[in-house]
């Protein structure tokens, strides 16, 4: 992954975090970790989504 691609992902993550904070939406530490892993190119968006869905299914 290029430096520019990582920078775009980290920027998108910062915007999403700011919007969630403004709206008062709680974000779990697990979701934050997955987001950081995605921004760093360690996992794909599909892998992040699958992991979040699996985690939420365990809770419900």
PDB file of N, CA and C in Angstrom:
ATOM      1  N   UNK A   1       0.845  -1.168   0.000  1.00  0.00           N
ATOM      2  CA  UNK A   1       0.000   0.000   0.000  1.00  0.00           C
ATOM      3  C   UNK A   1       0.897   1.240   0.000  1.00  0.00           C
ATOM      4  N   UNK A   2       0.510   2.204  -0.793  1.00  0.00           N
ATOM      5  CA  UNK A   2       1.319   3.416  -0.899  1.00  0.00           C
ATOM      6  C   UNK A   2       1.124   4.320   0.311  1.00  0.00           C
ATOM      7  N   UNK A   3       2.075   5.199   0.494  1.00  0.00           N
ATOM      8  CA  UNK A   3       1.987   6.184   1.563  1.00  0.00           C
ATOM      9  C   UNK A   3       0.728   7.035   1.404  1.00  0.00           C
ATOM     10  N   UNK A   4       0.419   7.417   0.161  1.00  0.00           N
ATOM     11  CA  UNK A   4      -0.755   8.249  -0.100  1.00  0.00           C
ATOM     12  C   UNK A   4      -2.049   7.525   0.254  1.00  0.00           C
ATOM     13  N   UNK A   5      -2.115   6.245  -0.069  1.00  0.00           N
ATOM     14  CA  UNK A   5      -3.314   5.455   0.242  1.00  0.00           C
ATOM     15  C   UNK A   5      -3.502   5.351   1.753  1.00  0.00           C
ATOM     16  N   UNK A   6      -2.407   5.111   2.475  1.00  0.00           N
ATOM     17  CA  UNK A   6      -2.497   5.043   3.935  1.00  0.00           C
ATOM     18  C   UNK A   6      -2.915   6.390   4.508  1.00  0.00           C
ATOM     19  N   UNK A   7      -2.383   7.463   3.961  1.00  0.00           N
ATOM     20  CA  UNK A   7      -2.735   8.801   4.442  1.00  0.00           C
ATOM     21  C   UNK A   7      -4.218   9.077   4.221  1.00  0.00           C
ATOM     22  N   UNK A   8      -4.754   8.664   3.071  1.00  0.00           N
ATOM     23  CA  UNK A   8      -6.182   8.855   2.802  1.00  0.00           C
ATOM     24  C   UNK A   8      -7.037   8.061   3.783  1.00  0.00           C
ATOM     25  N   UNK A   9      -6.623   6.828   4.048  1.00  0.00           N
ATOM     26  CA  UNK A   9      -7.372   6.000   4.989  1.00  0.00           C
ATOM     27  C   UNK A   9      -7.329   6.589   6.396  1.00  0.00           C
ATOM     28  N   UNK A  10      -6.165   7.064   6.808  1.00  0.00           N
ATOM     29  CA  UNK A  10      -6.049   7.650   8.147  1.00  0.00           C
ATOM     30  C   UNK A  10      -6.868   8.931   8.242  1.00  0.00           C
ATOM     31  N   UNK A  11      -6.933   9.689   7.165  1.00  0.00           N
ATOM     32  CA  UNK A  11      -7.762  10.884   7.144  1.00  0.00           C
ATOM     33  C   UNK A  11      -9.242  10.503   7.243  1.00  0.00           C
ATOM     34  N   UNK A  12      -9.648   9.499   6.503  1.00  0.00           N
ATOM     35  CA  UNK A  12     -11.042   9.030   6.557  1.00  0.00           C
ATOM     36  C   UNK A  12     -11.380   8.557   7.967  1.00  0.00           C
ATOM     37  N   UNK A  13     -10.457   7.885   8.602  1.00  0.00           N
ATOM     38  CA  UNK A  13     -10.662   7.401   9.967  1.00  0.00           C
ATOM     39  C   UNK A  13     -10.807   8.568  10.939  1.00  0.00           C
ATOM     40  N   UNK A  14      -9.989   9.594  10.766  1.00  0.00           N
ATOM     41  CA  UNK A  14     -10.069  10.774  11.639  1.00  0.00           C
ATOM     42  C   UNK A  14     -11.416  11.474  11.471  1.00  0.00           C
ATOM     43  N   UNK A  15     -11.905  11.573  10.251  1.00  0.00           N
ATOM     44  CA  UNK A  15     -13.210  12.201   9.993  1.00  0.00           C
ATOM     45  C   UNK A  15     -14.320  11.369  10.635  1.00  0.00           C
ATOM     46  N   UNK A  16     -14.268  10.059  10.445  1.00  0.00           N
ATOM     47  CA  UNK A  16     -15.290   9.184  11.033  1.00  0.00           C
ATOM     48  C   UNK A  16     -15.281   9.275  12.557  1.00  0.00           C
ATOM     49  N   UNK A  17     -14.109   9.295  13.145  1.00  0.00           N
ATOM     50  CA  UNK A  17     -14.012   9.418  14.607  1.00  0.00           C
ATOM     51  C   UNK A  17     -14.598  10.750  15.087  1.00  0.00           C
ATOM     52  N   UNK A  18     -14.304  11.812  14.357  1.00  0.00           N
ATOM     53  CA  UNK A  18     -14.821  13.129  14.728  1.00  0.00           C
ATOM     54  C   UNK A  18     -16.350  13.168  14.621  1.00  0.00           C
ATOM     55  N   UNK A  19     -16.885  12.610  13.551  1.00  0.00           N
ATOM     56  CA  UNK A  19     -18.343  12.591  13.383  1.00  0.00           C
ATOM     57  C   UNK A  19     -19.015  11.764  14.473  1.00  0.00           C
ATOM     58  N   UNK A  20     -18.438  10.611  14.786  1.00  0.00           N
ATOM     59  CA  UNK A  20     -19.009   9.785  15.853  1.00  0.00           C
ATOM     60  C   UNK A  20     -18.983  10.521  17.187  1.00  0.00           C
ATOM     61  N   UNK A  21     -17.900  11.239  17.446  1.00  0.00           N
ATOM     62  CA  UNK A  21     -17.795  11.990  18.694  1.00  0.00           C
ATOM     63  C   UNK A  21     -18.835  13.104  18.746  1.00  0.00           C
ATOM     64  N   UNK A  22     -18.999  13.825  17.646  1.00  0.00           N
ATOM     65  CA  UNK A  22     -19.986  14.903  17.589  1.00  0.00           C
ATOM     66  C   UNK A  22     -21.391  14.362  17.819  1.00  0.00           C
ATOM     67  N   UNK A  23     -21.688  13.220  17.209  1.00  0.00           N
ATOM     68  CA  UNK A  23     -23.015  12.623  17.312  1.00  0.00           C
ATOM     69  C   UNK A  23     -23.213  11.842  18.610  1.00  0.00           C
ATOM     70  N   UNK A  24     -22.149  11.641  19.356  1.00  0.00           N
ATOM     71  CA  UNK A  24     -22.264  10.903  20.608  1.00  0.00           C
ATOM     72  C   UNK A  24     -22.392   9.403  20.412  1.00  0.00           C
ATOM     73  N   UNK A  25     -21.883   8.904  19.300  1.00  0.00           N
ATOM     74  CA  UNK A  25     -21.968   7.475  19.002  1.00  0.00           C
ATOM     75  C   UNK A  25     -20.804   6.755  19.679  1.00  0.00           C
ATOM     76  N   UNK A  26     -21.102   5.804  20.545  1.00  0.00           N
ATOM     77  CA  UNK A  26     -20.016   5.065  21.190  1.00  0.00           C
ATOM     78  C   UNK A  26     -19.355   4.101  20.200  1.00  0.00           C
ATOM     79  N   UNK A  27     -18.041   4.060  20.203  1.00  0.00           N
ATOM     80  CA  UNK A  27     -17.284   3.158  19.335  1.00  0.00           C
ATOM     81  C   UNK A  27     -16.398   2.312  20.234  1.00  0.00           C
ATOM     82  N   UNK A  28     -16.527   1.008  20.100  1.00  0.00           N
ATOM     83  CA  UNK A  28     -15.767   0.102  20.958  1.00  0.00           C
ATOM     84  C   UNK A  28     -14.277   0.164  20.638  1.00  0.00           C
ATOM     85  N   UNK A  29     -13.487  -0.237  21.597  1.00  0.00           N
ATOM     86  CA  UNK A  29     -12.038  -0.287  21.384  1.00  0.00           C
ATOM     87  C   UNK A  29     -11.703  -1.297  20.294  1.00  0.00           C
ATOM     88  N   UNK A  30     -12.487  -2.376  20.226  1.00  0.00           N
ATOM     89  CA  UNK A  30     -12.271  -3.385  19.181  1.00  0.00           C
ATOM     90  C   UNK A  30     -12.489  -2.774  17.799  1.00  0.00           C
ATOM     91  N   UNK A  31     -13.550  -2.004  17.641  1.00  0.00           N
ATOM     92  CA  UNK A  31     -13.816  -1.354  16.361  1.00  0.00           C
ATOM     93  C   UNK A  31     -12.718  -0.352  16.021  1.00  0.00           C
ATOM     94  N   UNK A  32     -12.226   0.351  17.018  1.00  0.00           N
ATOM     95  CA  UNK A  32     -11.119   1.295  16.783  1.00  0.00           C
ATOM     96  C   UNK A  32      -9.866   0.558  16.330  1.00  0.00           C
ATOM     97  N   UNK A  33      -9.585  -0.593  16.962  1.00  0.00           N
ATOM     98  CA  UNK A  33      -8.412  -1.378  16.573  1.00  0.00           C
ATOM     99  C   UNK A  33      -8.549  -1.865  15.133  1.00  0.00           C
ATOM    100  N   UNK A  34      -9.717  -2.372  14.795  1.00  0.00           N
ATOM    101  CA  UNK A  34      -9.935  -2.832  13.424  1.00  0.00           C
ATOM    102  C   UNK A  34      -9.770  -1.678  12.439  1.00  0.00           C
ATOM    103  N   UNK A  35     -10.265  -0.513  12.806  1.00  0.00           N
ATOM    104  CA  UNK A  35     -10.136   0.653  11.935  1.00  0.00           C
ATOM    105  C   UNK A  35      -8.672   1.030  11.737  1.00  0.00           C
ATOM    106  N   UNK A  36      -7.902   0.991  12.811  1.00  0.00           N
ATOM    107  CA  UNK A  36      -6.466   1.293  12.693  1.00  0.00           C
ATOM    108  C   UNK A  36      -5.765   0.259  11.817  1.00  0.00           C
ATOM    109  N   UNK A  37      -6.130  -1.016  11.983  1.00  0.00           N
ATOM    110  CA  UNK A  37      -5.536  -2.069  11.158  1.00  0.00           C
ATOM    111  C   UNK A  37      -5.885  -1.862   9.684  1.00  0.00           C
ATOM    112  N   UNK A  38      -7.129  -1.460   9.412  1.00  0.00           N
ATOM    113  CA  UNK A  38      -7.538  -1.165   8.038  1.00  0.00           C
ATOM    114  C   UNK A  38      -6.751   0.020   7.493  1.00  0.00           C
ATOM    115  N   UNK A  39      -6.637   1.086   8.276  1.00  0.00           N
ATOM    116  CA  UNK A  39      -5.918   2.282   7.835  1.00  0.00           C
ATOM    117  C   UNK A  39      -4.454   1.971   7.551  1.00  0.00           C
ATOM    118  N   UNK A  40      -3.875   1.035   8.299  1.00  0.00           N
ATOM    119  CA  UNK A  40      -2.480   0.658   8.092  1.00  0.00           C
ATOM    120  C   UNK A  40      -2.299  -0.381   6.987  1.00  0.00           C
ATOM    121  N   UNK A  41      -3.417  -0.841   6.413  1.00  0.00           N
ATOM    122  CA  UNK A  41      -3.338  -1.822   5.334  1.00  0.00           C
ATOM    123  C   UNK A  41      -3.129  -3.246   5.805  1.00  0.00           C
ATOM    124  N   UNK A  42      -3.361  -3.493   7.093  1.00  0.00           N
ATOM    125  CA  UNK A  42      -3.170  -4.841   7.638  1.00  0.00           C
ATOM    126  C   UNK A  42      -4.354  -5.746   7.317  1.00  0.00           C
ATOM    127  N   UNK A  43      -5.541  -5.160   7.172  1.00  0.00           N
ATOM    128  CA  UNK A  43      -6.740  -5.918   6.816  1.00  0.00           C
ATOM    129  C   UNK A  43      -7.500  -5.135   5.744  1.00  0.00           C
ATOM    130  N   UNK A  44      -8.371  -5.836   5.031  1.00  0.00           N
ATOM    131  CA  UNK A  44      -9.197  -5.189   4.013  1.00  0.00           C
ATOM    132  C   UNK A  44     -10.481  -4.658   4.645  1.00  0.00           C
ATOM    133  N   UNK A  45     -11.180  -3.845   3.907  1.00  0.00           N
ATOM    134  CA  UNK A  45     -12.474  -3.358   4.375  1.00  0.00           C
ATOM    135  C   UNK A  45     -13.445  -4.500   4.596  1.00  0.00           C
ATOM    136  N   UNK A  46     -13.411  -5.489   3.715  1.00  0.00           N
ATOM    137  CA  UNK A  46     -14.291  -6.649   3.853  1.00  0.00           C
ATOM    138  C   UNK A  46     -13.958  -7.442   5.114  1.00  0.00           C
ATOM    139  N   UNK A  47     -12.675  -7.573   5.420  1.00  0.00           N
ATOM    140  CA  UNK A  47     -12.269  -8.288   6.634  1.00  0.00           C
ATOM    141  C   UNK A  47     -12.710  -7.521   7.877  1.00  0.00           C
ATOM    142  N   UNK A  48     -12.598  -6.212   7.830  1.00  0.00           N
ATOM    143  CA  UNK A  48     -13.029  -5.394   8.963  1.00  0.00           C
ATOM    144  C   UNK A  48     -14.534  -5.547   9.177  1.00  0.00           C
ATOM    145  N   UNK A  49     -15.292  -5.478   8.096  1.00  0.00           N
ATOM    146  CA  UNK A  49     -16.745  -5.612   8.190  1.00  0.00           C
ATOM    147  C   UNK A  49     -17.129  -6.985   8.742  1.00  0.00           C
ATOM    148  N   UNK A  50     -16.494  -8.028   8.239  1.00  0.00           N
ATOM    149  CA  UNK A  50     -16.805  -9.385   8.702  1.00  0.00           C
ATOM    150  C   UNK A  50     -16.488  -9.544  10.189  1.00  0.00           C
ATOM    151  N   UNK A  51     -15.372  -8.992  10.626  1.00  0.00           N
ATOM    152  CA  UNK A  51     -14.988  -9.094  12.036  1.00  0.00           C
ATOM    153  C   UNK A  51     -15.977  -8.344  12.925  1.00  0.00           C
ATOM    154  N   UNK A  52     -16.399  -7.160  12.486  1.00  0.00           N
ATOM    155  CA  UNK A  52     -17.373  -6.384  13.269  1.00  0.00           C
ATOM    156  C   UNK A  52     -18.717  -7.095  13.335  1.00  0.00           C
ATOM    157  N   UNK A  53     -19.169  -7.629  12.205  1.00  0.00           N
ATOM    158  CA  UNK A  53     -20.447  -8.351  12.201  1.00  0.00           C
ATOM    159  C   UNK A  53     -20.385  -9.573  13.115  1.00  0.00           C
ATOM    160  N   UNK A  54     -19.285 -10.306  13.069  1.00  0.00           N
ATOM    161  CA  UNK A  54     -19.134 -11.480  13.933  1.00  0.00           C
ATOM    162  C   UNK A  54     -19.146 -11.074  15.398  1.00  0.00           C
ATOM    163  N   UNK A  55     -18.470  -9.991  15.721  1.00  0.00           N
ATOM    164  CA  UNK A  55     -18.431  -9.520  17.116  1.00  0.00           C
ATOM    165  C   UNK A  55     -19.820  -9.099  17.592  1.00  0.00           C
ATOM    166  N   UNK A  56     -20.557  -8.434  16.721  1.00  0.00           N
ATOM    167  CA  UNK A  56     -21.895  -7.982  17.103  1.00  0.00           C
ATOM    168  C   UNK A  56     -22.876  -9.145  17.220  1.00  0.00           C
ATOM    169  N   UNK A  57     -22.683 -10.173  16.408  1.00  0.00           N
ATOM    170  CA  UNK A  57     -23.558 -11.343  16.504  1.00  0.00           C
ATOM    171  C   UNK A  57     -23.344 -12.072  17.823  1.00  0.00           C
ATOM    172  N   UNK A  58     -22.104 -12.069  18.312  1.00  0.00           N
ATOM    173  CA  UNK A  58     -21.804 -12.706  19.603  1.00  0.00           C
ATOM    174  C   UNK A  58     -22.523 -11.978  20.742  1.00  0.00           C
ATOM    175  N   UNK A  59     -22.616 -10.660  20.617  1.00  0.00           N
ATOM    176  CA  UNK A  59     -23.228  -9.846  21.673  1.00  0.00           C
ATOM    177  C   UNK A  59     -24.735 -10.043  21.707  1.00  0.00           C
ATOM    178  N   UNK A  60     -25.327 -10.175  20.533  1.00  0.00           N
ATOM    179  CA  UNK A  60     -26.804 -10.259  20.496  1.00  0.00           C
ATOM    180  C   UNK A  60     -27.328 -11.640  20.763  1.00  0.00           C
TER     181      UNK A  60
END
